[in-house]
Amino acid sequence: NHTKASCDRLRGAEILNIQKVQIQGYNFLMQGIKQRSGEIEYAISFATAKNNNDANYTIQTNWYVNNYTKFNDVYNFQVWSTRPADTQKLVADILNNLKTYIPVAQTEVQKFPETYASKIYRDKGELVVALRSTEEGNTADISMVELYSETANNIKHRYNTVSTEIQQSLRVDIADGYEYDALIKVEDEVEDAFYHADGNWGLDYDSRYTEIKNYFVWNDFDREYQDDEYTINRSVELQATSDYDYLTVYKSLLPGTLSADYSEYNYVA
């Protein structure tokens, strides 16, 4: 699941478009990705694989990772730059390197996503899933596995259905929930998978000197979200004893320990 598009969406990037490109006669999917900084990158994700007795490498470049055929040896490539021509040149260089060992073949029928999540973000107590589709009027089902908090051991399932538009947004009330693993299906065929998580609570200590008696991250489902506040989701309960040492409780405000400018806020409460 660790493709450029999957990881960047978790970190707040937006997929502007997906297009088919051909490089040296092989088919690839290239996406334009707008980062949180505003910079636009052009990425191609693909796999090169071979079984033990194969006389050639096989190129695969599906959008949904579970559509990839399994092989004995698989090499996963994520290629990107800020210019489409540079991205395609990098891919061509990889192909040329592969061909110095054995021939490269592509037999797959490439599948272009009919509906995909272009951006996933939180707006107060809602998870906003921006969707892009190739056709209007299809039925898209979005299923999500939800984990309430970092210490929760039970999962919940959420299901939403939309009639597709070229661009649209799905808003889901999640309060201060933690983690969401989702699939998008159109006519029962998986078109996209995405993962979203809030910045996590964490605990750091030396078990030689410190004993944790209770550590629990709990949800406030009745939390009120104010316009002039940046909400820190969930709260932490901690009981511990320590001999001449310390422990650290921390909260990442964004997933992936991303930095951001919070200078417009006056204090932390």
Protein backbone atom coordinates (compact mmCIF):
# COMPACT_ATOMS: atom_id res chain seq x y z
CA ASN A 1 0.00 0.00 0.00
CA HIS A 2 3.00 2.29 0.18
CA THR A 3 2.74 3.94 -3.20
CA LYS A 4 3.57 7.58 -3.77
CA ALA A 5 -0.12 8.44 -4.13
CA SER A 6 -1.18 6.56 -0.98
CA CYS A 7 1.50 8.02 1.28
CA ASP A 8 1.19 11.56 -0.05
CA ARG A 9 -2.58 11.62 0.40
CA LEU A 10 -2.06 10.67 4.04
CA ARG A 11 0.29 13.64 4.34
CA GLY A 12 -2.25 16.10 2.93
CA ALA A 13 -1.47 16.07 -0.80
CA GLU A 14 -4.11 16.21 -3.55
CA ILE A 15 -4.14 14.09 -6.71
CA LEU A 16 -4.99 16.54 -9.48
CA ASN A 17 -5.23 14.02 -12.31
CA ILE A 18 -4.28 10.56 -13.50
CA GLN A 19 -3.24 10.03 -17.10
CA LYS A 20 -2.04 7.18 -19.25
CA VAL A 21 1.43 7.58 -20.70
CA GLN A 22 3.50 5.32 -22.93
CA ILE A 23 7.26 5.01 -22.47
CA GLN A 24 9.30 2.85 -24.84
CA GLY A 25 6.08 1.08 -25.83
CA TYR A 26 5.10 0.24 -22.24
CA ASN A 27 1.95 1.61 -20.58
CA PHE A 28 2.11 3.54 -17.31
CA LEU A 29 -0.18 5.65 -15.13
CA MET A 30 1.17 9.09 -14.21
CA GLN A 31 -0.49 11.30 -11.65
CA GLY A 32 -0.11 14.99 -10.92
CA ILE A 33 0.12 15.51 -7.16
CA LYS A 34 -0.17 18.87 -5.43
CA GLN A 35 1.70 18.87 -2.13
CA ARG A 36 0.73 20.82 0.99
CA SER A 37 3.44 23.33 0.05
CA GLY A 38 1.69 24.00 -3.28
CA GLU A 39 4.43 22.31 -5.31
CA ILE A 40 3.17 19.97 -8.03
CA GLU A 41 4.90 16.66 -8.65
CA TYR A 42 4.39 14.08 -11.40
CA ALA A 43 4.65 10.49 -10.24
CA ILE A 44 4.68 7.04 -11.82
CA SER A 45 4.41 3.92 -9.64
CA PHE A 46 5.12 0.50 -11.10
CA ALA A 47 6.49 -2.92 -10.28
CA THR A 48 9.05 -5.06 -12.09
CA ALA A 49 8.85 -8.77 -11.33
CA LYS A 50 9.97 -12.23 -12.39
CA ASN A 51 9.50 -15.81 -11.33
CA ASN A 52 12.49 -18.09 -10.82
CA ASN A 53 12.58 -19.53 -14.34
CA ASP A 54 11.35 -16.50 -16.28
CA ALA A 55 13.46 -15.27 -19.16
CA ASN A 56 12.17 -11.71 -18.83
CA TYR A 57 11.02 -9.08 -16.36
CA THR A 58 7.30 -8.23 -16.26
CA ILE A 59 6.10 -4.62 -15.91
CA GLN A 60 2.93 -3.93 -13.92
CA THR A 61 1.40 -0.51 -13.30
CA ASN A 62 -2.06 -0.93 -11.76
CA TRP A 63 -3.64 1.75 -9.58
CA TYR A 64 -5.07 -0.62 -6.95
CA VAL A 65 -2.20 -2.56 -5.44
CA ASN A 66 -4.15 -5.80 -4.93
CA ASN A 67 -4.57 -6.06 -8.70
CA TYR A 68 -0.86 -6.77 -9.03
CA THR A 69 0.04 -10.36 -9.92
CA LYS A 70 2.34 -12.04 -7.40
CA PHE A 71 5.82 -13.17 -8.44
CA ASN A 72 8.82 -14.71 -6.67
CA ASP A 73 10.79 -11.46 -6.97
CA VAL A 74 9.16 -8.06 -7.11
CA TYR A 75 10.81 -4.63 -7.29
CA ASN A 76 8.62 -1.65 -6.42
CA PHE A 77 9.46 1.69 -8.08
CA GLN A 78 8.11 5.11 -7.11
CA VAL A 79 9.37 7.72 -9.57
CA TRP A 80 8.59 11.44 -9.39
CA SER A 81 9.86 14.89 -10.23
CA THR A 82 8.43 18.37 -10.71
CA ARG A 83 8.41 18.04 -14.52
CA PRO A 84 6.50 15.32 -16.44
CA ALA A 85 9.33 14.94 -18.95
CA ASP A 86 11.86 14.33 -16.16
CA THR A 87 9.63 11.68 -14.57
CA GLN A 88 9.27 9.86 -17.87
CA LYS A 89 13.03 10.06 -18.48
CA LEU A 90 13.72 8.51 -15.08
CA VAL A 91 11.35 5.64 -15.90
CA ALA A 92 13.06 5.19 -19.28
CA ASP A 93 16.44 5.01 -17.52
CA ILE A 94 15.12 2.28 -15.21
CA LEU A 95 13.80 0.33 -18.20
CA ASN A 96 17.15 0.61 -19.96
CA ASN A 97 18.93 -0.68 -16.86
CA LEU A 98 16.56 -3.64 -16.61
CA LYS A 99 17.07 -4.50 -20.27
CA THR A 100 20.81 -4.82 -19.76
CA TYR A 101 20.03 -7.97 -17.74
CA ILE A 102 17.03 -9.61 -19.47
CA PRO A 103 14.18 -8.44 -21.75
CA VAL A 104 11.21 -6.55 -20.32
CA ALA A 105 7.63 -7.56 -21.19
CA GLN A 106 4.21 -6.16 -20.31
CA THR A 107 1.18 -8.45 -20.60
CA GLU A 108 -1.25 -6.95 -18.09
CA VAL A 109 -4.46 -5.22 -19.09
CA GLN A 110 -4.04 -1.83 -17.46
CA LYS A 111 -6.94 -0.73 -15.26
CA PHE A 112 -7.65 3.00 -14.93
CA PRO A 113 -9.57 3.98 -11.74
CA GLU A 114 -13.17 5.01 -12.48
CA THR A 115 -13.48 6.74 -9.10
CA TYR A 116 -10.70 7.65 -6.69
CA ALA A 117 -10.10 9.80 -3.62
CA SER A 118 -8.17 12.85 -4.76
CA LYS A 119 -7.76 14.34 -1.27
CA ILE A 120 -8.62 13.31 2.30
CA TYR A 121 -8.64 15.77 5.17
CA ARG A 122 -10.38 16.72 8.41
CA ASP A 123 -12.68 19.67 8.87
CA LYS A 124 -13.41 19.92 12.60
CA GLY A 125 -15.40 16.75 13.39
CA GLU A 126 -15.78 15.61 9.78
CA LEU A 127 -13.63 13.55 7.47
CA VAL A 128 -13.83 15.04 3.98
CA VAL A 129 -13.14 12.71 1.05
CA ALA A 130 -12.81 14.57 -2.26
CA LEU A 131 -13.69 12.22 -5.13
CA ARG A 132 -12.94 12.33 -8.85
CA SER A 133 -14.69 10.08 -11.37
CA THR A 134 -14.47 9.40 -15.07
CA GLU A 135 -18.28 9.06 -15.45
CA GLU A 136 -21.39 10.51 -13.85
CA GLY A 137 -24.28 8.48 -12.48
CA ASN A 138 -22.46 5.34 -11.39
CA THR A 139 -22.87 3.95 -7.88
CA ALA A 140 -19.73 4.24 -5.75
CA ASP A 141 -19.54 2.52 -2.38
CA ILE A 142 -17.03 3.79 0.17
CA SER A 143 -16.35 1.40 3.04
CA MET A 144 -14.09 2.37 5.94
CA VAL A 145 -12.65 0.42 8.85
CA GLU A 146 -12.51 2.83 11.78
CA LEU A 147 -10.28 2.68 14.85
CA TYR A 148 -11.44 5.10 17.53
CA SER A 149 -8.09 5.70 19.24
CA GLU A 150 -4.45 4.64 19.51
CA THR A 151 -5.23 2.31 22.43
CA ALA A 152 -8.62 1.05 21.23
CA ASN A 153 -8.74 -2.65 20.44
CA ASN A 154 -12.06 -2.76 18.64
CA ILE A 155 -12.86 -1.60 15.13
CA LYS A 156 -16.03 -0.23 13.57
CA HIS A 157 -17.22 -0.26 9.96
CA ARG A 158 -18.67 2.68 8.05
CA TYR A 159 -20.45 2.49 4.70
CA ASN A 160 -21.42 5.34 2.39
CA THR A 161 -22.85 5.30 -1.14
CA VAL A 162 -22.77 8.14 -3.66
CA SER A 163 -23.93 8.66 -7.21
CA THR A 164 -20.75 9.64 -9.00
CA GLU A 165 -20.02 13.11 -10.34
CA ILE A 166 -16.86 14.22 -12.10
CA GLN A 167 -15.86 15.99 -8.87
CA GLN A 168 -17.65 15.75 -5.52
CA SER A 169 -17.03 15.53 -1.79
CA LEU A 170 -18.20 13.04 0.80
CA ARG A 171 -18.35 14.37 4.37
CA VAL A 172 -18.46 11.84 7.21
CA ASP A 173 -19.02 12.73 10.86
CA ILE A 174 -16.12 11.05 12.71
CA ALA A 175 -15.83 13.31 15.80
CA ASP A 176 -12.25 12.84 17.00
CA GLY A 177 -11.70 9.29 15.67
CA TYR A 178 -8.17 8.15 14.91
CA GLU A 179 -7.68 5.85 11.91
CA TYR A 180 -9.54 5.03 8.68
CA ASP A 181 -8.69 2.32 6.16
CA ALA A 182 -10.98 2.54 3.15
CA LEU A 183 -11.95 0.99 -0.17
CA ILE A 184 -13.87 2.62 -3.01
CA LYS A 185 -15.92 0.26 -5.19
CA VAL A 186 -17.86 0.99 -8.37
CA GLU A 187 -20.27 -1.73 -9.45
CA ASP A 188 -18.62 -4.06 -6.88
CA GLU A 189 -15.14 -3.57 -8.39
CA VAL A 190 -12.46 -2.02 -6.18
CA GLU A 191 -11.23 1.18 -7.83
CA ASP A 192 -9.15 2.77 -5.09
CA ALA A 193 -7.88 2.28 -1.55
CA PHE A 194 -6.88 5.05 0.82
CA TYR A 195 -5.67 5.36 4.39
CA HIS A 196 -6.11 8.32 6.70
CA ALA A 197 -5.06 8.81 10.31
CA ASP A 198 -4.94 11.72 12.67
CA GLY A 199 -1.59 12.67 14.18
CA ASN A 200 -1.10 10.15 16.95
CA TRP A 201 -0.69 10.25 20.70
CA GLY A 202 2.47 8.46 21.81
CA LEU A 203 4.31 7.41 24.97
CA ASP A 204 8.08 7.15 25.40
CA TYR A 205 9.76 5.78 28.53
CA ASP A 206 12.51 3.47 29.79
CA SER A 207 10.92 0.28 31.14
CA ARG A 208 13.94 -0.35 33.39
CA TYR A 209 12.98 2.59 35.59
CA THR A 210 9.38 3.38 34.76
CA GLU A 211 6.22 1.31 35.17
CA ILE A 212 3.07 2.25 33.27
CA LYS A 213 0.01 1.42 35.35
CA ASN A 214 -2.58 2.87 33.02
CA TYR A 215 -2.32 4.46 29.59
CA PHE A 216 -5.50 5.09 27.66
CA VAL A 217 -6.35 7.41 24.78
CA TRP A 218 -10.04 8.23 24.92
CA ASN A 219 -12.52 9.93 22.62
CA ASP A 220 -14.68 12.94 23.32
CA PHE A 221 -17.62 12.39 20.99
CA ASP A 222 -19.37 15.49 22.36
CA ARG A 223 -16.45 17.81 21.69
CA GLU A 224 -17.40 21.26 20.42
CA TYR A 225 -15.25 22.61 17.60
CA GLN A 226 -14.67 26.36 17.65
CA ASP A 227 -13.80 28.38 14.54
CA ASP A 228 -10.85 30.13 16.19
CA GLU A 229 -9.28 26.96 17.59
CA TYR A 230 -7.09 24.23 16.16
CA THR A 231 -8.44 21.15 17.88
CA ILE A 232 -6.14 18.50 19.34
CA ASN A 233 -8.15 15.32 18.89
CA ARG A 234 -8.73 12.80 21.69
CA SER A 235 -7.41 12.99 25.24
CA VAL A 236 -4.94 10.90 27.18
CA GLU A 237 -5.14 9.30 30.63
CA LEU A 238 -1.89 8.15 32.24
CA GLN A 239 -0.80 6.64 35.56
CA ALA A 240 2.82 5.65 36.10
CA THR A 241 5.60 5.36 38.65
CA SER A 242 9.24 6.13 37.92
CA ASP A 243 12.50 5.80 39.86
CA TYR A 244 14.75 8.78 39.17
CA ASP A 245 13.64 8.99 35.54
CA TYR A 246 11.02 10.59 33.35
CA LEU A 247 8.51 9.68 30.65
CA THR A 248 7.22 11.61 27.67
CA VAL A 249 3.66 11.88 26.38
CA TYR A 250 3.44 13.52 22.96
CA LYS A 251 0.87 14.34 20.29
CA SER A 252 1.59 14.73 16.58
CA LEU A 253 -0.73 17.39 15.22
CA LEU A 254 -0.53 16.03 11.67
CA PRO A 255 0.01 12.49 10.34
CA GLY A 256 3.54 11.57 9.38
CA THR A 257 4.98 14.07 11.92
CA LEU A 258 4.58 16.85 9.36
CA SER A 259 5.57 20.35 10.34
CA ALA A 260 3.20 23.29 9.88
CA ASP A 261 2.94 27.00 10.69
CA TYR A 262 0.80 27.62 13.79
CA SER A 263 1.91 31.21 14.38
CA GLU A 264 -1.64 32.53 14.01
CA TYR A 265 -2.56 30.83 17.30
CA ASN A 266 -1.72 32.47 20.61
CA TYR A 267 -1.32 29.58 23.06
CA VAL A 268 -1.69 25.86 23.70
CA ALA A 269 -4.48 24.80 26.09
